[in-house]
Amino acid sequence: MGLFSKDIKNLEDLYQHGLKDIYYAENQIVKSLPDMIENATNAELKRGLQQHLRETKEQVRRLEQVFALHGERPSGTKCPAIDGIIKEGGDLMGEVEDKAVLNVGIIAAAQAVEHYEITRYGALIAWAQELGHGEDATILARNLSEEKAADKKLTALADRRVNPKSARRVGKSAGASHPRRAKPRRAAASRRKPAQKKKTARRSS
C-alpha cells in the first residue's frame, strides 16, 4: 500500500500507515546493517555502524511500544522507498574494489537511510501531536534524536577520517573567510608633538 493509498481517509489513517511504514523500514535496516559493518574497513566507521545497529534494535522496540498504546500488534507495510535505498547501498558495496572509496560509499549509503528516517519521524511526530497522541510523540522523538545524532557522526567521520582532504579544504576555506586584520599604522604626523616656535628676542630700543 502506497503512502497516498485510497484506504487512507483521514489523518489518523495516514498516521497509522506511517507507523507501519517506519516499523518495516527499521526492521529492514536491522537486516542490512551487518553487511555494511562487515564491508567497512575503517575501524571508527565499523564501530559507529555497530553502535547504530544496537540503537536501531532499540528503536524497533520503542515502535512496538507505540503500537501497544493503540492496542495494535506491531506490523509493517512494505516500503519501496527504503527497499530501494538499501538495495542501492548493497549494489554499491558489490561494485567498489578500492577499500578507501568503499568506506566513503558506505557512509553515503548509511546517510541516505538516515535522511529517509529523519523525514519520516519528523512527519510522524507532527501528526501525533496534532492528533493528541502526546505519548507517541515523546517516544518517536527519542528515535528521531538518535537518527540525527547518527547522521551528524557520519558527516564528521567522513570529513575527519575517510575524506581527510575534504576536511583540510574546509579548514582552509574557513581560515580564508576570516583573514587576519592588518595592524593599523600609526599616523606619525598626528602623533608628533607640534614644533615649538622659537621665541624672538625683542630688540632694545
N, C-alpha and C. Protein backbone atom coordinates (compact mmCIF):
# COMPACT_ATOMS: atom_id res chain seq x y z
N MET A 1 0.85 -1.19 0.00
CA MET A 1 0.00 0.00 0.00
C MET A 1 0.88 1.23 0.00
N GLY A 2 0.64 2.16 -0.91
CA GLY A 2 1.43 3.37 -1.00
C GLY A 2 1.06 4.37 0.07
N LEU A 3 1.88 5.41 0.21
CA LEU A 3 1.64 6.41 1.25
C LEU A 3 0.30 7.11 1.04
N PHE A 4 -0.07 7.35 -0.22
CA PHE A 4 -1.32 8.03 -0.51
C PHE A 4 -2.33 7.06 -1.09
N SER A 5 -2.54 5.95 -0.40
CA SER A 5 -3.47 4.93 -0.82
C SER A 5 -4.91 5.40 -0.64
N LYS A 6 -5.82 4.79 -1.40
CA LYS A 6 -7.24 5.11 -1.27
C LYS A 6 -7.79 4.64 0.07
N ASP A 7 -7.07 3.73 0.75
CA ASP A 7 -7.51 3.24 2.06
C ASP A 7 -7.31 4.28 3.15
N ILE A 8 -6.56 5.34 2.86
CA ILE A 8 -6.30 6.39 3.85
C ILE A 8 -7.37 7.46 3.70
N LYS A 9 -8.24 7.57 4.70
CA LYS A 9 -9.36 8.51 4.64
C LYS A 9 -9.12 9.78 5.44
N ASN A 10 -8.30 9.70 6.48
CA ASN A 10 -8.10 10.86 7.35
C ASN A 10 -6.68 10.84 7.91
N LEU A 11 -6.38 11.82 8.75
CA LEU A 11 -5.02 11.94 9.29
C LEU A 11 -4.66 10.76 10.18
N GLU A 12 -5.63 10.25 10.92
CA GLU A 12 -5.36 9.08 11.77
C GLU A 12 -4.95 7.88 10.93
N ASP A 13 -5.63 7.67 9.80
CA ASP A 13 -5.26 6.58 8.90
C ASP A 13 -3.84 6.78 8.37
N LEU A 14 -3.54 8.02 8.01
CA LEU A 14 -2.20 8.34 7.49
C LEU A 14 -1.14 8.09 8.56
N TYR A 15 -1.44 8.47 9.77
CA TYR A 15 -0.50 8.28 10.88
C TYR A 15 -0.25 6.80 11.13
N GLN A 16 -1.33 6.00 11.19
CA GLN A 16 -1.18 4.57 11.43
C GLN A 16 -0.40 3.90 10.30
N HIS A 17 -0.65 4.35 9.08
CA HIS A 17 0.11 3.80 7.95
C HIS A 17 1.59 4.19 8.06
N GLY A 18 1.85 5.43 8.50
CA GLY A 18 3.23 5.88 8.66
C GLY A 18 3.98 5.07 9.71
N LEU A 19 3.29 4.70 10.78
CA LEU A 19 3.91 3.86 11.81
C LEU A 19 4.31 2.50 11.24
N LYS A 20 3.44 1.93 10.43
CA LYS A 20 3.74 0.63 9.83
C LYS A 20 4.88 0.75 8.82
N ASP A 21 4.93 1.89 8.14
CA ASP A 21 5.99 2.16 7.17
C ASP A 21 7.35 2.20 7.86
N ILE A 22 7.45 2.99 8.94
CA ILE A 22 8.74 3.13 9.61
C ILE A 22 9.11 1.86 10.36
N TYR A 23 8.12 1.11 10.84
CA TYR A 23 8.40 -0.16 11.51
C TYR A 23 9.02 -1.15 10.52
N TYR A 24 8.46 -1.20 9.32
CA TYR A 24 9.04 -2.04 8.27
C TYR A 24 10.46 -1.58 7.95
N ALA A 25 10.62 -0.25 7.81
CA ALA A 25 11.93 0.30 7.45
C ALA A 25 12.99 -0.04 8.49
N GLU A 26 12.67 0.14 9.77
CA GLU A 26 13.64 -0.12 10.82
C GLU A 26 14.05 -1.60 10.85
N ASN A 27 13.10 -2.48 10.62
CA ASN A 27 13.42 -3.91 10.60
C ASN A 27 14.30 -4.27 9.40
N GLN A 28 14.08 -3.61 8.27
CA GLN A 28 14.93 -3.86 7.10
C GLN A 28 16.35 -3.33 7.35
N ILE A 29 16.44 -2.23 8.07
CA ILE A 29 17.74 -1.66 8.38
C ILE A 29 18.52 -2.57 9.33
N VAL A 30 17.81 -3.16 10.29
CA VAL A 30 18.45 -4.12 11.19
C VAL A 30 19.07 -5.28 10.38
N LYS A 31 18.40 -5.68 9.32
CA LYS A 31 18.90 -6.78 8.49
C LYS A 31 20.07 -6.36 7.61
N SER A 32 20.08 -5.09 7.19
CA SER A 32 21.10 -4.64 6.23
C SER A 32 22.38 -4.13 6.88
N LEU A 33 22.31 -3.63 8.10
CA LEU A 33 23.49 -3.05 8.75
C LEU A 33 24.64 -4.04 8.92
N PRO A 34 24.39 -5.32 9.25
CA PRO A 34 25.52 -6.25 9.38
C PRO A 34 26.39 -6.34 8.12
N ASP A 35 25.79 -6.22 6.93
CA ASP A 35 26.58 -6.25 5.70
C ASP A 35 27.48 -5.02 5.61
N MET A 36 26.95 -3.86 5.99
CA MET A 36 27.76 -2.63 5.98
C MET A 36 28.91 -2.77 6.96
N ILE A 37 28.62 -3.31 8.14
CA ILE A 37 29.65 -3.49 9.16
C ILE A 37 30.75 -4.42 8.66
N GLU A 38 30.36 -5.50 8.01
CA GLU A 38 31.33 -6.47 7.50
C GLU A 38 32.21 -5.87 6.41
N ASN A 39 31.63 -5.02 5.55
CA ASN A 39 32.38 -4.46 4.43
C ASN A 39 33.22 -3.25 4.81
N ALA A 40 32.87 -2.57 5.90
CA ALA A 40 33.63 -1.38 6.31
C ALA A 40 35.03 -1.78 6.79
N THR A 41 36.05 -1.08 6.31
CA THR A 41 37.42 -1.37 6.72
C THR A 41 37.96 -0.31 7.67
N ASN A 42 37.32 0.84 7.72
CA ASN A 42 37.72 1.88 8.67
C ASN A 42 37.19 1.50 10.05
N ALA A 43 38.08 1.41 11.03
CA ALA A 43 37.71 0.91 12.37
C ALA A 43 36.65 1.79 13.03
N GLU A 44 36.79 3.10 12.90
CA GLU A 44 35.83 4.00 13.54
C GLU A 44 34.46 3.90 12.87
N LEU A 45 34.46 3.76 11.55
CA LEU A 45 33.20 3.58 10.83
C LEU A 45 32.52 2.29 11.25
N LYS A 46 33.31 1.24 11.37
CA LYS A 46 32.76 -0.07 11.77
C LYS A 46 32.13 0.03 13.17
N ARG A 47 32.81 0.69 14.09
CA ARG A 47 32.27 0.84 15.45
C ARG A 47 31.00 1.67 15.45
N GLY A 48 31.00 2.72 14.63
CA GLY A 48 29.82 3.59 14.57
C GLY A 48 28.60 2.84 14.04
N LEU A 49 28.81 2.00 13.04
CA LEU A 49 27.71 1.21 12.47
C LEU A 49 27.22 0.17 13.47
N GLN A 50 28.16 -0.42 14.22
CA GLN A 50 27.77 -1.40 15.25
C GLN A 50 26.92 -0.74 16.33
N GLN A 51 27.31 0.47 16.72
CA GLN A 51 26.54 1.20 17.72
C GLN A 51 25.14 1.51 17.19
N HIS A 52 25.08 1.93 15.91
CA HIS A 52 23.77 2.29 15.37
C HIS A 52 22.88 1.05 15.17
N LEU A 53 23.48 -0.10 14.95
CA LEU A 53 22.69 -1.34 14.89
C LEU A 53 22.00 -1.58 16.23
N ARG A 54 22.75 -1.39 17.31
CA ARG A 54 22.15 -1.55 18.64
C ARG A 54 21.04 -0.53 18.86
N GLU A 55 21.27 0.71 18.41
CA GLU A 55 20.25 1.75 18.55
C GLU A 55 19.01 1.41 17.74
N THR A 56 19.21 0.89 16.54
CA THR A 56 18.08 0.57 15.66
C THR A 56 17.21 -0.53 16.26
N LYS A 57 17.85 -1.51 16.86
CA LYS A 57 17.07 -2.57 17.53
C LYS A 57 16.23 -1.98 18.66
N GLU A 58 16.78 -1.02 19.37
CA GLU A 58 16.03 -0.36 20.44
C GLU A 58 14.91 0.50 19.86
N GLN A 59 15.15 1.10 18.70
CA GLN A 59 14.11 1.90 18.05
C GLN A 59 12.93 1.03 17.63
N VAL A 60 13.23 -0.18 17.19
CA VAL A 60 12.15 -1.13 16.85
C VAL A 60 11.31 -1.42 18.08
N ARG A 61 11.99 -1.61 19.21
CA ARG A 61 11.28 -1.89 20.47
C ARG A 61 10.39 -0.72 20.86
N ARG A 62 10.89 0.51 20.67
CA ARG A 62 10.08 1.68 21.01
C ARG A 62 8.84 1.77 20.11
N LEU A 63 9.02 1.47 18.84
CA LEU A 63 7.87 1.50 17.93
C LEU A 63 6.82 0.48 18.36
N GLU A 64 7.27 -0.64 18.87
CA GLU A 64 6.32 -1.65 19.37
C GLU A 64 5.56 -1.12 20.57
N GLN A 65 6.20 -0.26 21.35
CA GLN A 65 5.51 0.39 22.46
C GLN A 65 4.39 1.29 21.95
N VAL A 66 4.67 2.00 20.85
CA VAL A 66 3.67 2.89 20.28
C VAL A 66 2.47 2.09 19.78
N PHE A 67 2.74 0.98 19.10
CA PHE A 67 1.63 0.13 18.64
C PHE A 67 0.79 -0.33 19.84
N ALA A 68 1.47 -0.69 20.94
CA ALA A 68 0.77 -1.18 22.13
C ALA A 68 -0.13 -0.11 22.72
N LEU A 69 0.29 1.16 22.63
CA LEU A 69 -0.53 2.25 23.16
C LEU A 69 -1.87 2.34 22.43
N HIS A 70 -1.90 1.85 21.19
CA HIS A 70 -3.13 1.88 20.39
C HIS A 70 -3.84 0.52 20.37
N GLY A 71 -3.34 -0.40 21.20
CA GLY A 71 -3.94 -1.72 21.24
C GLY A 71 -3.74 -2.51 19.97
N GLU A 72 -2.66 -2.21 19.26
CA GLU A 72 -2.38 -2.87 17.99
C GLU A 72 -1.15 -3.78 18.10
N ARG A 73 -1.17 -4.85 17.35
CA ARG A 73 0.02 -5.69 17.23
C ARG A 73 0.98 -5.03 16.24
N PRO A 74 2.27 -5.02 16.54
CA PRO A 74 3.24 -4.41 15.61
C PRO A 74 3.19 -5.09 14.24
N SER A 75 3.12 -4.30 13.20
CA SER A 75 3.14 -4.85 11.85
C SER A 75 3.72 -3.81 10.91
N GLY A 76 4.33 -4.27 9.84
CA GLY A 76 4.94 -3.37 8.88
C GLY A 76 4.24 -3.38 7.54
N THR A 77 4.36 -2.26 6.85
CA THR A 77 3.85 -2.14 5.49
C THR A 77 5.04 -2.04 4.56
N LYS A 78 5.10 -2.88 3.56
CA LYS A 78 6.24 -2.88 2.64
C LYS A 78 6.46 -1.48 2.08
N CYS A 79 7.70 -1.02 2.17
CA CYS A 79 8.05 0.34 1.77
C CYS A 79 9.06 0.30 0.62
N PRO A 80 8.62 0.57 -0.61
CA PRO A 80 9.54 0.56 -1.75
C PRO A 80 10.69 1.56 -1.61
N ALA A 81 10.43 2.67 -0.91
CA ALA A 81 11.47 3.70 -0.78
C ALA A 81 12.68 3.18 -0.03
N ILE A 82 12.47 2.62 1.16
CA ILE A 82 13.61 2.13 1.94
C ILE A 82 14.22 0.91 1.27
N ASP A 83 13.40 0.09 0.63
CA ASP A 83 13.95 -1.07 -0.09
C ASP A 83 14.91 -0.61 -1.19
N GLY A 84 14.53 0.46 -1.89
CA GLY A 84 15.38 0.97 -2.96
C GLY A 84 16.68 1.56 -2.44
N ILE A 85 16.60 2.29 -1.34
CA ILE A 85 17.80 2.89 -0.74
C ILE A 85 18.78 1.81 -0.28
N ILE A 86 18.23 0.78 0.38
CA ILE A 86 19.08 -0.31 0.87
C ILE A 86 19.69 -1.10 -0.29
N LYS A 87 18.89 -1.34 -1.32
CA LYS A 87 19.40 -2.08 -2.49
C LYS A 87 20.52 -1.31 -3.18
N GLU A 88 20.34 -0.01 -3.30
CA GLU A 88 21.37 0.82 -3.92
C GLU A 88 22.68 0.72 -3.15
N GLY A 89 22.58 0.77 -1.81
CA GLY A 89 23.78 0.64 -0.99
C GLY A 89 24.43 -0.72 -1.15
N GLY A 90 23.62 -1.77 -1.23
CA GLY A 90 24.15 -3.12 -1.42
C GLY A 90 24.84 -3.27 -2.76
N ASP A 91 24.24 -2.71 -3.80
CA ASP A 91 24.86 -2.75 -5.14
C ASP A 91 26.20 -2.04 -5.14
N LEU A 92 26.26 -0.91 -4.45
CA LEU A 92 27.50 -0.12 -4.38
C LEU A 92 28.61 -0.93 -3.73
N MET A 93 28.30 -1.61 -2.64
CA MET A 93 29.33 -2.39 -1.94
C MET A 93 29.86 -3.53 -2.79
N GLY A 94 29.05 -4.00 -3.73
CA GLY A 94 29.49 -5.09 -4.59
C GLY A 94 30.29 -4.62 -5.79
N GLU A 95 30.31 -3.31 -6.05
CA GLU A 95 30.96 -2.78 -7.24
C GLU A 95 32.30 -2.10 -6.97
N VAL A 96 32.52 -1.61 -5.75
CA VAL A 96 33.72 -0.83 -5.43
C VAL A 96 34.80 -1.74 -4.88
N GLU A 97 35.98 -1.71 -5.49
CA GLU A 97 37.10 -2.54 -5.04
C GLU A 97 38.03 -1.79 -4.10
N ASP A 98 38.25 -0.51 -4.36
CA ASP A 98 39.14 0.29 -3.51
C ASP A 98 38.52 0.43 -2.13
N LYS A 99 39.23 0.00 -1.09
CA LYS A 99 38.68 -0.03 0.26
C LYS A 99 38.38 1.38 0.79
N ALA A 100 39.26 2.33 0.49
CA ALA A 100 39.03 3.69 0.97
C ALA A 100 37.77 4.27 0.33
N VAL A 101 37.63 4.04 -0.97
CA VAL A 101 36.44 4.52 -1.67
C VAL A 101 35.20 3.80 -1.16
N LEU A 102 35.34 2.52 -0.85
CA LEU A 102 34.21 1.74 -0.34
C LEU A 102 33.71 2.33 0.98
N ASN A 103 34.62 2.74 1.85
CA ASN A 103 34.22 3.35 3.12
C ASN A 103 33.41 4.62 2.88
N VAL A 104 33.85 5.42 1.92
CA VAL A 104 33.12 6.64 1.58
C VAL A 104 31.72 6.29 1.08
N GLY A 105 31.64 5.25 0.23
CA GLY A 105 30.35 4.82 -0.29
C GLY A 105 29.41 4.30 0.79
N ILE A 106 29.97 3.59 1.75
CA ILE A 106 29.15 3.06 2.86
C ILE A 106 28.58 4.21 3.68
N ILE A 107 29.39 5.22 3.92
CA ILE A 107 28.90 6.39 4.66
C ILE A 107 27.76 7.05 3.90
N ALA A 108 27.93 7.22 2.60
CA ALA A 108 26.88 7.85 1.78
C ALA A 108 25.60 7.02 1.82
N ALA A 109 25.73 5.70 1.73
CA ALA A 109 24.57 4.82 1.76
C ALA A 109 23.88 4.89 3.12
N ALA A 110 24.67 4.90 4.19
CA ALA A 110 24.11 4.97 5.55
C ALA A 110 23.39 6.29 5.77
N GLN A 111 23.95 7.37 5.23
CA GLN A 111 23.31 8.67 5.41
C GLN A 111 22.02 8.78 4.60
N ALA A 112 21.97 8.13 3.46
CA ALA A 112 20.72 8.11 2.69
C ALA A 112 19.61 7.48 3.50
N VAL A 113 19.95 6.41 4.22
CA VAL A 113 18.97 5.75 5.11
C VAL A 113 18.57 6.69 6.24
N GLU A 114 19.57 7.35 6.86
CA GLU A 114 19.28 8.26 7.97
C GLU A 114 18.35 9.38 7.54
N HIS A 115 18.60 9.95 6.37
CA HIS A 115 17.78 11.07 5.91
C HIS A 115 16.34 10.65 5.66
N TYR A 116 16.16 9.43 5.16
CA TYR A 116 14.81 8.91 4.98
C TYR A 116 14.11 8.80 6.33
N GLU A 117 14.81 8.24 7.31
CA GLU A 117 14.21 8.05 8.64
C GLU A 117 13.91 9.39 9.31
N ILE A 118 14.81 10.34 9.15
CA ILE A 118 14.60 11.65 9.77
C ILE A 118 13.33 12.31 9.24
N THR A 119 13.11 12.25 7.94
CA THR A 119 11.90 12.87 7.37
C THR A 119 10.65 12.13 7.84
N ARG A 120 10.71 10.80 7.91
CA ARG A 120 9.56 10.01 8.33
C ARG A 120 9.20 10.29 9.80
N TYR A 121 10.22 10.28 10.65
CA TYR A 121 9.96 10.53 12.07
C TYR A 121 9.45 11.96 12.29
N GLY A 122 10.02 12.90 11.56
CA GLY A 122 9.56 14.29 11.69
C GLY A 122 8.08 14.43 11.38
N ALA A 123 7.64 13.77 10.30
CA ALA A 123 6.22 13.82 9.92
C ALA A 123 5.36 13.11 10.96
N LEU A 124 5.79 11.94 11.41
CA LEU A 124 5.01 11.18 12.39
C LEU A 124 4.83 11.95 13.70
N ILE A 125 5.86 12.62 14.14
CA ILE A 125 5.78 13.40 15.39
C ILE A 125 4.77 14.54 15.23
N ALA A 126 4.83 15.22 14.09
CA ALA A 126 3.89 16.32 13.84
C ALA A 126 2.45 15.81 13.82
N TRP A 127 2.23 14.68 13.15
CA TRP A 127 0.88 14.11 13.08
C TRP A 127 0.40 13.65 14.45
N ALA A 128 1.30 13.02 15.21
CA ALA A 128 0.94 12.53 16.55
C ALA A 128 0.51 13.69 17.45
N GLN A 129 1.25 14.78 17.37
CA GLN A 129 0.91 15.94 18.18
C GLN A 129 -0.43 16.53 17.77
N GLU A 130 -0.68 16.61 16.48
CA GLU A 130 -1.95 17.16 16.00
C GLU A 130 -3.13 16.27 16.40
N LEU A 131 -2.90 14.96 16.44
CA LEU A 131 -3.96 14.02 16.78
C LEU A 131 -4.14 13.83 18.28
N GLY A 132 -3.26 14.45 19.06
CA GLY A 132 -3.37 14.34 20.50
C GLY A 132 -2.69 13.11 21.08
N HIS A 133 -1.80 12.48 20.29
CA HIS A 133 -1.06 11.30 20.78
C HIS A 133 0.27 11.76 21.38
N GLY A 134 0.18 12.43 22.52
CA GLY A 134 1.38 13.02 23.11
C GLY A 134 2.44 12.00 23.51
N GLU A 135 2.01 10.87 24.05
CA GLU A 135 2.97 9.85 24.47
C GLU A 135 3.68 9.24 23.26
N ASP A 136 2.94 9.08 22.18
CA ASP A 136 3.56 8.60 20.93
C ASP A 136 4.66 9.55 20.50
N ALA A 137 4.33 10.85 20.50
CA ALA A 137 5.28 11.86 20.03
C ALA A 137 6.57 11.84 20.85
N THR A 138 6.44 11.64 22.17
CA THR A 138 7.62 11.60 23.04
C THR A 138 8.51 10.41 22.69
N ILE A 139 7.91 9.26 22.47
CA ILE A 139 8.68 8.05 22.12
C ILE A 139 9.34 8.21 20.76
N LEU A 140 8.58 8.70 19.80
CA LEU A 140 9.12 8.87 18.44
C LEU A 140 10.24 9.90 18.41
N ALA A 141 10.14 10.91 19.27
CA ALA A 141 11.17 11.95 19.31
C ALA A 141 12.52 11.38 19.75
N ARG A 142 12.50 10.36 20.60
CA ARG A 142 13.76 9.72 21.01
C ARG A 142 14.43 9.04 19.82
N ASN A 143 13.62 8.38 18.99
CA ASN A 143 14.17 7.75 17.78
C ASN A 143 14.73 8.80 16.83
N LEU A 144 13.98 9.89 16.65
CA LEU A 144 14.43 10.95 15.76
C LEU A 144 15.75 11.55 16.24
N SER A 145 15.87 11.75 17.54
CA SER A 145 17.10 12.32 18.09
C SER A 145 18.30 11.42 17.79
N GLU A 146 18.12 10.12 17.90
CA GLU A 146 19.22 9.18 17.62
C GLU A 146 19.58 9.18 16.14
N GLU A 147 18.57 9.31 15.28
CA GLU A 147 18.85 9.33 13.84
C GLU A 147 19.66 10.57 13.47
N LYS A 148 19.29 11.70 14.04
CA LYS A 148 20.02 12.94 13.75
C LYS A 148 21.45 12.86 14.27
N ALA A 149 21.62 12.28 15.44
CA ALA A 149 22.96 12.14 16.02
C ALA A 149 23.82 11.21 15.16
N ALA A 150 23.22 10.13 14.66
CA ALA A 150 23.96 9.18 13.81
C ALA A 150 24.38 9.86 12.51
N ASP A 151 23.49 10.64 11.93
CA ASP A 151 23.81 11.35 10.68
C ASP A 151 24.95 12.35 10.91
N LYS A 152 24.91 13.05 12.03
CA LYS A 152 25.96 14.02 12.35
C LYS A 152 27.31 13.32 12.53
N LYS A 153 27.31 12.18 13.19
CA LYS A 153 28.56 11.42 13.39
C LYS A 153 29.12 10.94 12.07
N LEU A 154 28.26 10.50 11.17
CA LEU A 154 28.72 10.04 9.86
C LEU A 154 29.35 11.17 9.06
N THR A 155 28.75 12.35 9.14
CA THR A 155 29.32 13.51 8.45
C THR A 155 30.69 13.86 9.00
N ALA A 156 30.80 13.86 10.33
CA ALA A 156 32.09 14.18 10.96
C ALA A 156 33.15 13.14 10.61
N LEU A 157 32.75 11.88 10.58
CA LEU A 157 33.68 10.81 10.26
C LEU A 157 34.17 10.94 8.82
N ALA A 158 33.27 11.24 7.92
CA ALA A 158 33.64 11.40 6.51
C ALA A 158 34.66 12.53 6.34
N ASP A 159 34.45 13.63 7.03
CA ASP A 159 35.35 14.78 6.91
C ASP A 159 36.69 14.54 7.61
N ARG A 160 36.64 13.88 8.77
CA ARG A 160 37.85 13.77 9.60
C ARG A 160 38.75 12.60 9.23
N ARG A 161 38.16 11.46 8.93
CA ARG A 161 38.95 10.25 8.74
C ARG A 161 38.91 9.72 7.30
N VAL A 162 37.72 9.59 6.76
CA VAL A 162 37.58 8.96 5.46
C VAL A 162 37.87 9.92 4.33
N ASN A 163 37.51 11.19 4.50
CA ASN A 163 37.77 12.20 3.48
C ASN A 163 38.69 13.28 4.05
N PRO A 164 39.92 12.94 4.43
CA PRO A 164 40.79 13.92 5.08
C PRO A 164 41.07 15.13 4.22
N LYS A 165 41.19 14.94 2.90
CA LYS A 165 41.45 16.07 2.01
C LYS A 165 40.31 17.07 2.07
N SER A 166 39.07 16.54 2.13
CA SER A 166 37.90 17.40 2.23
C SER A 166 37.95 18.23 3.51
N ALA A 167 38.35 17.58 4.61
CA ALA A 167 38.43 18.28 5.89
C ALA A 167 39.45 19.41 5.83
N ARG A 168 40.59 19.12 5.14
CA ARG A 168 41.62 20.16 5.04
C ARG A 168 41.12 21.34 4.21
N ARG A 169 40.36 21.03 3.13
CA ARG A 169 39.83 22.10 2.31
C ARG A 169 38.86 22.96 3.10
N VAL A 170 38.04 22.31 3.92
CA VAL A 170 37.09 23.05 4.75
C VAL A 170 37.83 23.97 5.71
N GLY A 171 38.92 23.43 6.30
CA GLY A 171 39.70 24.21 7.24
C GLY A 171 40.33 25.43 6.58
N LYS A 172 40.86 25.22 5.36
CA LYS A 172 41.49 26.32 4.64
C LYS A 172 40.47 27.39 4.28
N SER A 173 39.29 26.93 3.79
CA SER A 173 38.27 27.90 3.39
C SER A 173 37.76 28.69 4.59
N ALA A 174 37.71 28.01 5.76
CA ALA A 174 37.27 28.70 6.97
C ALA A 174 38.28 29.77 7.35
N GLY A 175 39.57 29.41 7.20
CA GLY A 175 40.60 30.38 7.52
C GLY A 175 40.60 31.54 6.56
N ALA A 176 40.31 31.24 5.29
CA ALA A 176 40.31 32.29 4.28
C ALA A 176 39.16 33.26 4.49
N SER A 177 38.08 32.77 5.07
CA SER A 177 36.92 33.63 5.27
C SER A 177 37.11 34.61 6.43
N HIS A 178 38.14 34.35 7.25
CA HIS A 178 38.43 35.24 8.35
C HIS A 178 39.89 35.68 8.29
N PRO A 179 40.24 36.50 7.31
CA PRO A 179 41.64 36.91 7.17
C PRO A 179 42.08 37.76 8.36
N ARG A 180 43.38 37.69 8.61
CA ARG A 180 43.93 38.49 9.71
C ARG A 180 43.83 39.97 9.36
N ARG A 181 43.44 40.70 10.34
CA ARG A 181 43.36 42.14 10.11
C ARG A 181 44.75 42.75 10.18
N ALA A 182 45.03 43.61 9.23
CA ALA A 182 46.32 44.29 9.24
C ALA A 182 46.34 45.30 10.39
N LYS A 183 47.46 45.32 11.07
CA LYS A 183 47.57 46.26 12.17
C LYS A 183 47.60 47.68 11.62
N PRO A 184 46.77 48.54 12.15
CA PRO A 184 46.74 49.91 11.62
C PRO A 184 48.06 50.63 11.89
N ARG A 185 48.54 51.31 10.87
CA ARG A 185 49.78 52.08 11.04
C ARG A 185 49.50 53.32 11.86
N ARG A 186 50.44 53.59 12.68
CA ARG A 186 50.28 54.80 13.48
C ARG A 186 50.44 56.03 12.59
N ALA A 187 49.53 56.90 12.76
CA ALA A 187 49.64 58.14 11.99
C ALA A 187 50.71 58.99 12.65
N ALA A 188 51.90 58.86 12.07
CA ALA A 188 53.05 59.51 12.69
C ALA A 188 52.85 61.00 12.81
N ALA A 189 52.30 61.58 11.73
CA ALA A 189 52.19 63.03 11.72
C ALA A 189 51.26 63.52 12.81
N SER A 190 50.20 62.73 13.05
CA SER A 190 49.21 63.19 14.03
C SER A 190 49.69 63.00 15.45
N ARG A 191 50.67 62.08 15.64
CA ARG A 191 51.14 61.81 16.98
C ARG A 191 52.38 62.64 17.36
N ARG A 192 52.97 63.31 16.37
CA ARG A 192 54.15 64.11 16.68
C ARG A 192 53.75 65.34 17.50
N LYS A 193 54.62 65.68 18.40
CA LYS A 193 54.37 66.90 19.16
C LYS A 193 54.58 68.10 18.25
N PRO A 194 53.66 69.01 18.33
CA PRO A 194 53.83 70.21 17.46
C PRO A 194 55.14 70.93 17.75
N ALA A 195 55.78 71.34 16.69
CA ALA A 195 57.07 72.04 16.85
C ALA A 195 56.86 73.36 17.57
N GLN A 196 57.73 73.64 18.55
CA GLN A 196 57.62 74.89 19.29
C GLN A 196 58.25 76.01 18.49
N LYS A 197 57.55 77.12 18.46
CA LYS A 197 58.08 78.28 17.74
C LYS A 197 59.19 78.93 18.55
N LYS A 198 60.25 79.26 17.85
CA LYS A 198 61.35 79.93 18.53
C LYS A 198 60.96 81.34 18.92
N LYS A 199 61.25 81.64 20.18
CA LYS A 199 60.94 82.99 20.65
C LYS A 199 61.96 83.97 20.10
N THR A 200 61.48 85.03 19.56
CA THR A 200 62.39 86.05 19.03
C THR A 200 62.61 87.12 20.11
N ALA A 201 63.87 87.33 20.41
CA ALA A 201 64.17 88.34 21.45
C ALA A 201 63.86 89.74 20.94
N ARG A 202 63.24 90.54 21.82
CA ARG A 202 62.92 91.91 21.43
C ARG A 202 64.20 92.75 21.37
N ARG A 203 64.26 93.54 20.33
CA ARG A 203 65.41 94.44 20.24
C ARG A 203 65.22 95.60 21.20
N SER A 204 66.27 95.86 21.89
CA SER A 204 66.19 97.00 22.82
C SER A 204 66.17 98.29 22.02
N SER A 205 65.20 99.09 22.33
CA SER A 205 65.08 100.33 21.57
C SER A 205 66.06 101.35 22.09
